Amino acid sequence: MKTAVYIHIPYCASKCIYCDFLSFPNLSISPAAYLRALEQELVLRSRQLREEGALADTVYIGGGSPTVLSASELSALLSACRTYLPLANDTEWTVEVNPGTIDHHKAVVLRAGGVNRISLGVQDINDDRLALLGRTHTFSQARQAFSLCRKFFDVLSVDAMIGLPGQRAADSAETLRELCAWQPDHFSLYGLKVEAGTRLDELLEQGELTLPSEEETLLMMQQGREILIAHGFNHYELANFAKPGHQCRHNLRYWENRPYLGVGLGAHSYLRNCRCRNTADFQLYQNSLLAGILPPAISQPVQKREEMEDTMMLGLRLTRGVSYKEFQRRFRLDLRMLFAEEISRLVERGLIECDSEAIRLSRQGLPLANLVFAEFITV
């Protein structure tokens, strides 16, 4: 059995105004203490994986921004992963990189530690908008970081955002054309999402910021899709595009609703038909692991019906859709009969299309994906 492993590093240079992830914009929790606890969790989790005969064929180190750690801390983290995790021979190793926190020494360490894929958070090419978002890098630093990473890593992915305050469709198109000129292997194009309790939410409530209209944001996404496809990217997931052979294997595991293991503070896992989340309290996390036991976690068993609904919602994020044959093999049921009413309503509205092999979002359904997903949720 193959398993994806996510490792959470909760440090960042500063908290972006839109971020609601578990991250700390300072080192109030000692990285050394955190990494010691994390290593102990790796020891315990690896025993679980080995007992089940599982191999980690993808390892994704995210955050926060992992490259806020020093070169020596990154080296120790990667060494612990390679020591304890049962790894496949062709493991995909991804590390998220903030452009302002990578240098030659860290790149050397990451490469030596087995990292073969970098996800670079560029977001925009306009320095004023980057500063407004709370990003700690400039466009020039992002370009330099990409150039540096290209010398060391097999696959480079870049992130860009649309729907930003003060951004127009012409601005987002300029950003995408510039980033395409760098020739990345993978591209993630995200719409800005306003999460409750974030600084962005507060600024919008106070009227200090305004966002582009829904029509303008939709134009940005449609235009962005056309630009990326014209530059040789395949649109394989709602927000993700890849050159041939460079889809993100780790994230595909999520969209296929397959098992994955989360390691670290607040990390999520989906194993043995149970979704769970590690405690977000560092003291509880550390004390448990120092005692040789796994950290406290919130667990929720997943029943078969819920698993099938999740498989539909997540699988429809992929442009290839949900395969009848794969669904039948996994659940011993025909999804066309199981979800006959939902499919009929969605086809009638033109939001999905069905052929002899799969069900997938239509072109019209792409920007209305959440309406499609809602059909597969049992109230």
Protein backbone atom coordinates (compact mmCIF):
# COMPACT_ATOMS: atom_id res chain seq x y z
CA MET A 1 0.00 0.00 0.00
CA LYS A 2 1.24 3.47 -0.87
CA THR A 3 0.61 6.43 1.40
CA ALA A 4 1.12 10.17 1.05
CA VAL A 5 2.82 11.90 3.99
CA TYR A 6 2.36 15.57 4.83
CA ILE A 7 4.68 17.23 7.36
CA HIS A 8 3.61 20.55 8.87
CA ILE A 9 6.13 23.28 9.68
CA PRO A 10 4.13 26.06 11.37
CA TYR A 11 6.65 28.90 11.01
CA CYS A 12 6.49 31.83 8.61
CA ALA A 13 8.29 35.13 8.18
CA SER A 14 5.01 37.01 8.69
CA LYS A 15 1.31 36.22 8.69
CA CYS A 16 -0.32 37.04 5.34
CA ILE A 17 -3.60 38.90 5.74
CA TYR A 18 -5.60 36.11 4.05
CA CYS A 19 -4.02 33.18 5.92
CA ASP A 20 -6.02 31.03 8.34
CA PHE A 21 -3.55 28.14 8.42
CA LEU A 22 -1.92 27.07 11.67
CA SER A 23 1.23 29.15 11.50
CA PHE A 24 3.26 31.48 13.67
CA PRO A 25 4.87 34.67 12.32
CA ASN A 26 7.59 34.46 14.97
CA LEU A 27 9.68 31.86 16.74
CA SER A 28 7.75 31.95 20.03
CA ILE A 29 7.86 28.15 19.91
CA SER A 30 11.47 27.05 19.62
CA PRO A 31 12.11 25.38 16.24
CA ALA A 32 14.56 23.05 17.97
CA ALA A 33 11.87 21.93 20.44
CA TYR A 34 9.31 21.56 17.68
CA LEU A 35 11.63 19.51 15.48
CA ARG A 36 12.49 17.20 18.41
CA ALA A 37 8.79 16.53 18.99
CA LEU A 38 8.21 16.12 15.26
CA GLU A 39 10.99 13.55 15.03
CA GLN A 40 9.43 11.55 17.83
CA GLU A 41 6.09 11.60 16.01
CA LEU A 42 7.87 10.35 12.88
CA VAL A 43 9.25 7.45 14.93
CA LEU A 44 5.80 6.47 16.15
CA ARG A 45 4.02 7.02 12.84
CA SER A 46 6.61 5.04 10.92
CA ARG A 47 5.88 2.03 13.11
CA GLN A 48 2.23 2.29 12.11
CA LEU A 49 3.10 2.47 8.44
CA ARG A 50 5.50 -0.47 8.61
CA GLU A 51 2.97 -2.60 10.49
CA GLU A 52 0.52 -2.00 7.64
CA GLY A 53 3.13 -2.62 4.96
CA ALA A 54 2.72 0.94 3.70
CA LEU A 55 5.30 2.92 1.74
CA ALA A 56 5.42 6.70 1.54
CA ASP A 57 5.52 7.46 -2.18
CA THR A 58 5.02 11.21 -1.69
CA VAL A 59 6.33 13.46 1.09
CA TYR A 60 5.09 17.05 1.17
CA ILE A 61 6.64 19.51 3.64
CA GLY A 62 4.43 22.56 3.99
CA GLY A 63 3.39 25.22 6.42
CA GLY A 64 3.78 28.07 7.18
CA SER A 65 6.95 28.31 5.23
CA PRO A 66 9.40 25.46 5.87
CA THR A 67 12.33 27.45 4.49
CA VAL A 68 12.08 29.86 7.41
CA LEU A 69 14.05 27.13 9.18
CA SER A 70 17.83 27.34 9.05
CA ALA A 71 19.85 25.14 6.70
CA SER A 72 20.94 22.94 9.60
CA GLU A 73 17.33 22.58 10.82
CA LEU A 74 16.16 21.65 7.33
CA SER A 75 18.96 19.10 7.08
CA ALA A 76 17.95 17.53 10.41
CA LEU A 77 14.29 17.40 9.35
CA LEU A 78 15.04 15.69 6.04
CA SER A 79 17.43 13.28 7.73
CA ALA A 80 14.71 12.29 10.22
CA CYS A 81 12.26 11.70 7.37
CA ARG A 82 14.71 9.48 5.51
CA THR A 83 15.67 7.62 8.68
CA TYR A 84 12.20 6.77 9.91
CA LEU A 85 9.72 6.84 7.03
CA PRO A 86 9.38 3.70 4.89
CA LEU A 87 10.01 5.31 1.51
CA ALA A 88 9.24 4.12 -2.00
CA ASN A 89 12.06 4.13 -4.53
CA ASP A 90 10.47 6.91 -6.58
CA THR A 91 9.18 9.13 -3.78
CA GLU A 92 8.04 12.60 -4.81
CA TRP A 93 9.54 15.05 -2.28
CA THR A 94 7.97 18.53 -2.27
CA VAL A 95 8.91 21.51 -0.12
CA GLU A 96 6.96 24.76 -0.05
CA VAL A 97 9.27 27.75 -0.47
CA ASN A 98 8.67 31.41 0.30
CA PRO A 99 10.85 33.36 -2.16
CA GLY A 100 12.27 35.55 0.60
CA THR A 101 13.53 32.60 2.67
CA ILE A 102 15.58 30.49 0.22
CA ASP A 103 19.30 30.82 -0.46
CA HIS A 104 22.05 28.78 -2.09
CA HIS A 105 22.98 26.94 1.11
CA LYS A 106 19.38 25.91 1.83
CA ALA A 107 18.90 24.79 -1.78
CA VAL A 108 21.99 22.59 -1.51
CA VAL A 109 20.70 21.07 1.74
CA LEU A 110 17.23 20.42 0.31
CA ARG A 111 18.64 18.75 -2.78
CA ALA A 112 21.06 16.64 -0.74
CA GLY A 113 18.15 15.59 1.48
CA GLY A 114 16.26 14.14 -1.47
CA VAL A 115 13.88 16.97 -2.35
CA ASN A 116 13.01 16.83 -6.05
CA ARG A 117 10.05 19.22 -6.26
CA ILE A 118 9.64 22.84 -5.11
CA SER A 119 6.39 24.77 -4.73
CA LEU A 120 7.27 28.47 -4.90
CA GLY A 121 4.71 30.92 -3.52
CA VAL A 122 5.03 33.88 -5.90
CA GLN A 123 1.34 35.00 -5.82
CA ASP A 124 1.78 38.21 -7.86
CA ILE A 125 4.40 40.30 -9.67
CA ASN A 126 3.26 43.66 -8.31
CA ASP A 127 5.27 44.70 -5.25
CA ASP A 128 2.53 46.95 -3.86
CA ARG A 129 -0.05 44.15 -3.92
CA LEU A 130 2.48 41.71 -2.44
CA ALA A 131 3.13 44.12 0.44
CA LEU A 132 -0.61 44.64 0.92
CA LEU A 133 -1.09 40.87 1.24
CA GLY A 134 1.63 40.70 3.88
CA ARG A 135 4.08 38.83 1.65
CA THR A 136 7.68 39.37 2.73
CA HIS A 137 9.24 39.11 -0.72
CA THR A 138 9.37 41.28 -3.82
CA PHE A 139 8.89 40.28 -7.43
CA SER A 140 12.65 40.54 -7.96
CA GLN A 141 13.29 38.14 -5.06
CA ALA A 142 10.74 35.70 -6.46
CA ARG A 143 12.46 35.72 -9.84
CA GLN A 144 15.85 35.18 -8.22
CA ALA A 145 14.44 32.34 -6.06
CA PHE A 146 13.01 30.60 -9.12
CA SER A 147 16.30 30.92 -10.98
CA LEU A 148 18.17 29.46 -8.00
CA CYS A 149 15.76 26.56 -7.57
CA ARG A 150 15.88 25.73 -11.27
CA LYS A 151 19.56 24.87 -10.84
CA PHE A 152 18.86 22.27 -8.16
CA PHE A 153 15.43 20.68 -8.54
CA ASP A 154 13.75 18.49 -11.13
CA VAL A 155 10.27 20.02 -10.87
CA LEU A 156 9.29 23.60 -10.07
CA SER A 157 5.74 24.70 -9.35
CA VAL A 158 4.66 28.31 -8.90
CA ASP A 159 1.59 29.68 -7.11
CA ALA A 160 -0.30 32.77 -8.26
CA MET A 161 -3.45 34.38 -6.90
CA ILE A 162 -6.32 36.21 -8.56
CA GLY A 163 -9.12 38.36 -7.17
CA LEU A 164 -6.69 40.45 -5.13
CA PRO A 165 -7.52 43.95 -3.83
CA GLY A 166 -6.82 46.48 -6.60
CA GLN A 167 -6.22 43.76 -9.20
CA ARG A 168 -7.81 43.82 -12.65
CA ALA A 169 -8.00 41.17 -15.35
CA ALA A 170 -5.20 42.87 -17.26
CA ASP A 171 -3.01 42.70 -14.13
CA SER A 172 -3.56 38.99 -13.58
CA ALA A 173 -2.90 38.27 -17.27
CA GLU A 174 0.39 40.17 -17.04
CA THR A 175 1.39 38.14 -13.97
CA LEU A 176 0.62 34.82 -15.65
CA ARG A 177 2.45 35.66 -18.87
CA GLU A 178 5.50 36.74 -16.88
CA LEU A 179 5.51 33.58 -14.77
CA CYS A 180 4.96 31.37 -17.83
CA ALA A 181 8.09 32.94 -19.33
CA TRP A 182 10.04 31.41 -16.45
CA GLN A 183 8.96 28.00 -17.76
CA PRO A 184 7.79 26.28 -14.56
CA ASP A 185 6.66 22.67 -14.75
CA HIS A 186 3.50 23.15 -12.72
CA PHE A 187 1.20 26.06 -11.97
CA SER A 188 -1.35 26.60 -9.17
CA LEU A 189 -3.80 29.43 -9.81
CA TYR A 190 -5.89 30.27 -6.75
CA GLY A 191 -8.72 32.70 -6.24
CA LEU A 192 -8.32 34.77 -3.07
CA LYS A 193 -10.59 33.33 -0.40
CA VAL A 194 -11.79 35.41 2.53
CA GLU A 195 -11.64 33.35 5.72
CA ALA A 196 -13.44 34.46 8.86
CA GLY A 197 -11.17 35.88 11.53
CA THR A 198 -8.31 36.79 9.22
CA ARG A 199 -6.89 40.28 8.91
CA LEU A 200 -8.29 40.42 5.36
CA ASP A 201 -11.77 39.75 6.70
CA GLU A 202 -11.37 42.59 9.20
CA LEU A 203 -10.13 45.05 6.57
CA LEU A 204 -13.02 44.24 4.25
CA GLU A 205 -15.52 44.61 7.10
CA GLN A 206 -14.01 48.00 7.97
CA GLY A 207 -14.20 49.12 4.35
CA GLU A 208 -10.45 49.66 4.14
CA LEU A 209 -10.12 47.20 1.26
CA THR A 210 -12.37 46.15 -1.59
CA LEU A 211 -12.13 43.13 -3.84
CA PRO A 212 -12.77 42.88 -7.58
CA SER A 213 -16.33 42.02 -8.59
CA GLU A 214 -17.34 38.40 -9.09
CA GLU A 215 -17.54 39.08 -12.83
CA GLU A 216 -14.00 40.47 -12.90
CA THR A 217 -12.65 37.56 -10.87
CA LEU A 218 -14.39 35.04 -13.13
CA LEU A 219 -12.84 36.77 -16.14
CA MET A 220 -9.42 36.49 -14.47
CA MET A 221 -9.89 32.74 -14.00
CA GLN A 222 -11.17 32.10 -17.51
CA GLN A 223 -8.45 34.26 -19.01
CA GLY A 224 -5.84 32.59 -16.82
CA ARG A 225 -6.92 29.14 -17.95
CA GLU A 226 -6.59 30.17 -21.59
CA ILE A 227 -3.14 31.68 -21.05
CA LEU A 228 -1.80 28.62 -19.24
CA ILE A 229 -3.19 26.18 -21.79
CA ALA A 230 -1.68 28.30 -24.58
CA HIS A 231 1.70 27.94 -22.84
CA GLY A 232 1.51 24.14 -22.86
CA PHE A 233 -0.03 23.44 -19.45
CA ASN A 234 -2.71 20.80 -19.05
CA HIS A 235 -5.60 21.88 -16.82
CA TYR A 236 -5.94 18.79 -14.63
CA GLU A 237 -7.62 20.15 -11.48
CA LEU A 238 -9.76 23.19 -10.73
CA ALA A 239 -6.81 25.34 -9.66
CA ASN A 240 -3.88 23.33 -11.01
CA PHE A 241 -2.10 23.07 -14.34
CA ALA A 242 0.88 20.93 -15.31
CA LYS A 243 3.23 20.32 -18.18
CA PRO A 244 2.95 16.68 -19.38
CA GLY A 245 4.21 14.28 -16.71
CA HIS A 246 4.35 16.88 -13.95
CA GLN A 247 1.03 16.60 -12.12
CA CYS A 248 1.47 16.80 -8.35
CA ARG A 249 1.27 13.19 -7.19
CA HIS A 250 0.83 14.19 -3.55
CA ASN A 251 -2.21 16.39 -4.14
CA LEU A 252 -3.70 13.80 -6.49
CA ARG A 253 -3.89 11.54 -3.45
CA TYR A 254 -6.23 14.04 -1.77
CA TRP A 255 -8.41 14.51 -4.84
CA GLU A 256 -8.67 10.75 -5.33
CA ASN A 257 -9.77 10.49 -1.68
CA ARG A 258 -6.98 8.05 -0.88
CA PRO A 259 -5.21 7.55 2.50
CA TYR A 260 -2.67 10.08 3.68
CA LEU A 261 -0.77 10.71 6.90
CA GLY A 262 -0.29 14.13 8.47
CA VAL A 263 2.63 14.66 10.84
CA GLY A 264 3.07 17.76 12.97
CA LEU A 265 1.08 20.29 14.95
CA GLY A 266 -2.53 20.41 13.75
CA ALA A 267 -1.83 18.04 10.85
CA HIS A 268 -4.71 16.12 9.25
CA SER A 269 -4.73 12.41 8.36
CA TYR A 270 -7.09 10.07 6.56
CA LEU A 271 -6.26 6.49 7.46
CA ARG A 272 -8.29 3.32 8.01
CA ASN A 273 -11.56 5.09 7.15
CA CYS A 274 -11.01 7.72 9.82
CA ARG A 275 -10.24 11.41 9.47
CA CYS A 276 -8.25 12.88 12.34
CA ARG A 277 -6.42 16.07 13.24
CA ASN A 278 -3.52 16.43 15.64
CA THR A 279 -3.90 18.88 18.48
CA ALA A 280 -2.97 22.49 17.70
CA ASP A 281 -1.73 23.00 21.27
CA PHE A 282 2.05 22.76 21.20
CA GLN A 283 2.40 21.95 24.90
CA LEU A 284 0.01 19.00 24.60
CA TYR A 285 1.71 17.93 21.37
CA GLN A 286 5.19 18.07 22.88
CA ASN A 287 4.31 16.50 26.24
CA SER A 288 2.57 13.53 24.62
CA LEU A 289 5.48 12.80 22.33
CA LEU A 290 8.05 13.19 25.10
CA ALA A 291 6.07 10.51 26.93
CA GLY A 292 6.30 8.27 23.87
CA ILE A 293 2.66 8.45 22.86
CA LEU A 294 0.98 10.01 19.83
CA PRO A 295 -0.42 13.50 20.34
CA PRO A 296 -4.11 14.01 21.18
CA ALA A 297 -6.25 14.15 18.07
CA ILE A 298 -9.84 14.78 17.05
CA SER A 299 -11.05 11.71 15.16
CA GLN A 300 -14.10 11.16 12.99
CA PRO A 301 -14.95 7.75 11.51
CA VAL A 302 -15.98 7.87 7.85
CA GLN A 303 -18.92 5.67 6.91
CA LYS A 304 -19.17 4.13 3.46
CA ARG A 305 -21.83 6.55 2.20
CA GLU A 306 -19.74 9.54 3.28
CA GLU A 307 -16.65 8.04 1.65
CA MET A 308 -18.54 7.67 -1.63
CA GLU A 309 -19.83 11.25 -1.46
CA ASP A 310 -16.34 12.55 -0.68
CA THR A 311 -14.95 10.56 -3.60
CA MET A 312 -17.44 12.26 -5.92
CA MET A 313 -16.83 15.79 -4.61
CA LEU A 314 -13.05 15.50 -4.61
CA GLY A 315 -12.87 13.55 -7.85
CA LEU A 316 -14.96 16.12 -9.69
CA ARG A 317 -12.25 18.67 -8.94
CA LEU A 318 -10.18 16.77 -11.50
CA THR A 319 -10.87 17.61 -15.13
CA ARG A 320 -10.77 13.89 -15.94
CA GLY A 321 -13.68 13.48 -13.54
CA VAL A 322 -14.74 10.33 -11.70
CA SER A 323 -14.29 7.04 -13.53
CA TYR A 324 -17.23 4.62 -13.45
CA LYS A 325 -14.82 1.70 -13.54
CA GLU A 326 -12.67 2.98 -10.65
CA PHE A 327 -15.73 3.78 -8.54
CA GLN A 328 -17.14 0.29 -9.22
CA ARG A 329 -13.82 -1.33 -8.33
CA ARG A 330 -13.59 0.60 -5.06
CA PHE A 331 -17.18 0.44 -3.81
CA ARG A 332 -18.75 -2.41 -5.80
CA LEU A 333 -21.50 -0.01 -6.89
CA ASP A 334 -22.39 1.84 -10.09
CA LEU A 335 -22.20 5.57 -9.37
CA ARG A 336 -24.67 6.25 -12.21
CA MET A 337 -27.34 4.35 -10.31
CA LEU A 338 -26.28 5.43 -6.82
CA PHE A 339 -26.39 9.13 -7.72
CA ALA A 340 -28.93 8.95 -10.56
CA GLU A 341 -31.09 11.84 -9.31
CA GLU A 342 -28.13 14.14 -8.60
CA ILE A 343 -26.58 13.41 -11.99
CA SER A 344 -29.88 14.00 -13.79
CA ARG A 345 -30.31 17.44 -12.15
CA LEU A 346 -26.75 18.49 -12.90
CA VAL A 347 -26.86 17.33 -16.53
CA GLU A 348 -30.12 19.22 -17.01
CA ARG A 349 -28.47 22.39 -15.70
CA GLY A 350 -25.47 21.86 -17.96
CA LEU A 351 -23.02 21.71 -15.05
CA ILE A 352 -21.64 18.23 -15.71
CA GLU A 353 -21.10 15.99 -18.71
CA CYS A 354 -21.06 12.22 -18.88
CA ASP A 355 -19.56 9.88 -21.45
CA SER A 356 -18.97 6.14 -21.54
CA GLU A 357 -16.06 6.34 -19.07
CA ALA A 358 -16.58 9.12 -16.53
CA ILE A 359 -18.60 11.99 -15.13
CA ARG A 360 -16.90 15.40 -15.07
CA LEU A 361 -17.56 19.10 -14.75
CA SER A 362 -18.61 20.83 -17.96
CA ARG A 363 -16.98 24.04 -19.12
CA GLN A 364 -20.01 25.85 -17.72
CA GLY A 365 -19.68 23.92 -14.45
CA LEU A 366 -16.03 24.79 -13.77
CA PRO A 367 -16.73 28.19 -12.17
CA LEU A 368 -19.80 26.78 -10.38
CA ALA A 369 -18.07 23.71 -8.96
CA ASN A 370 -19.30 24.31 -5.40
CA LEU A 371 -22.91 24.04 -6.60
CA VAL A 372 -22.06 20.68 -8.13
CA PHE A 373 -20.31 19.42 -5.00
CA ALA A 374 -23.29 20.40 -2.86
CA GLU A 375 -25.45 17.89 -4.73
CA PHE A 376 -23.38 15.05 -3.29
CA ILE A 377 -23.69 16.05 0.36
CA THR A 378 -26.29 14.19 2.42
CA VAL A 379 -28.07 16.65 4.69
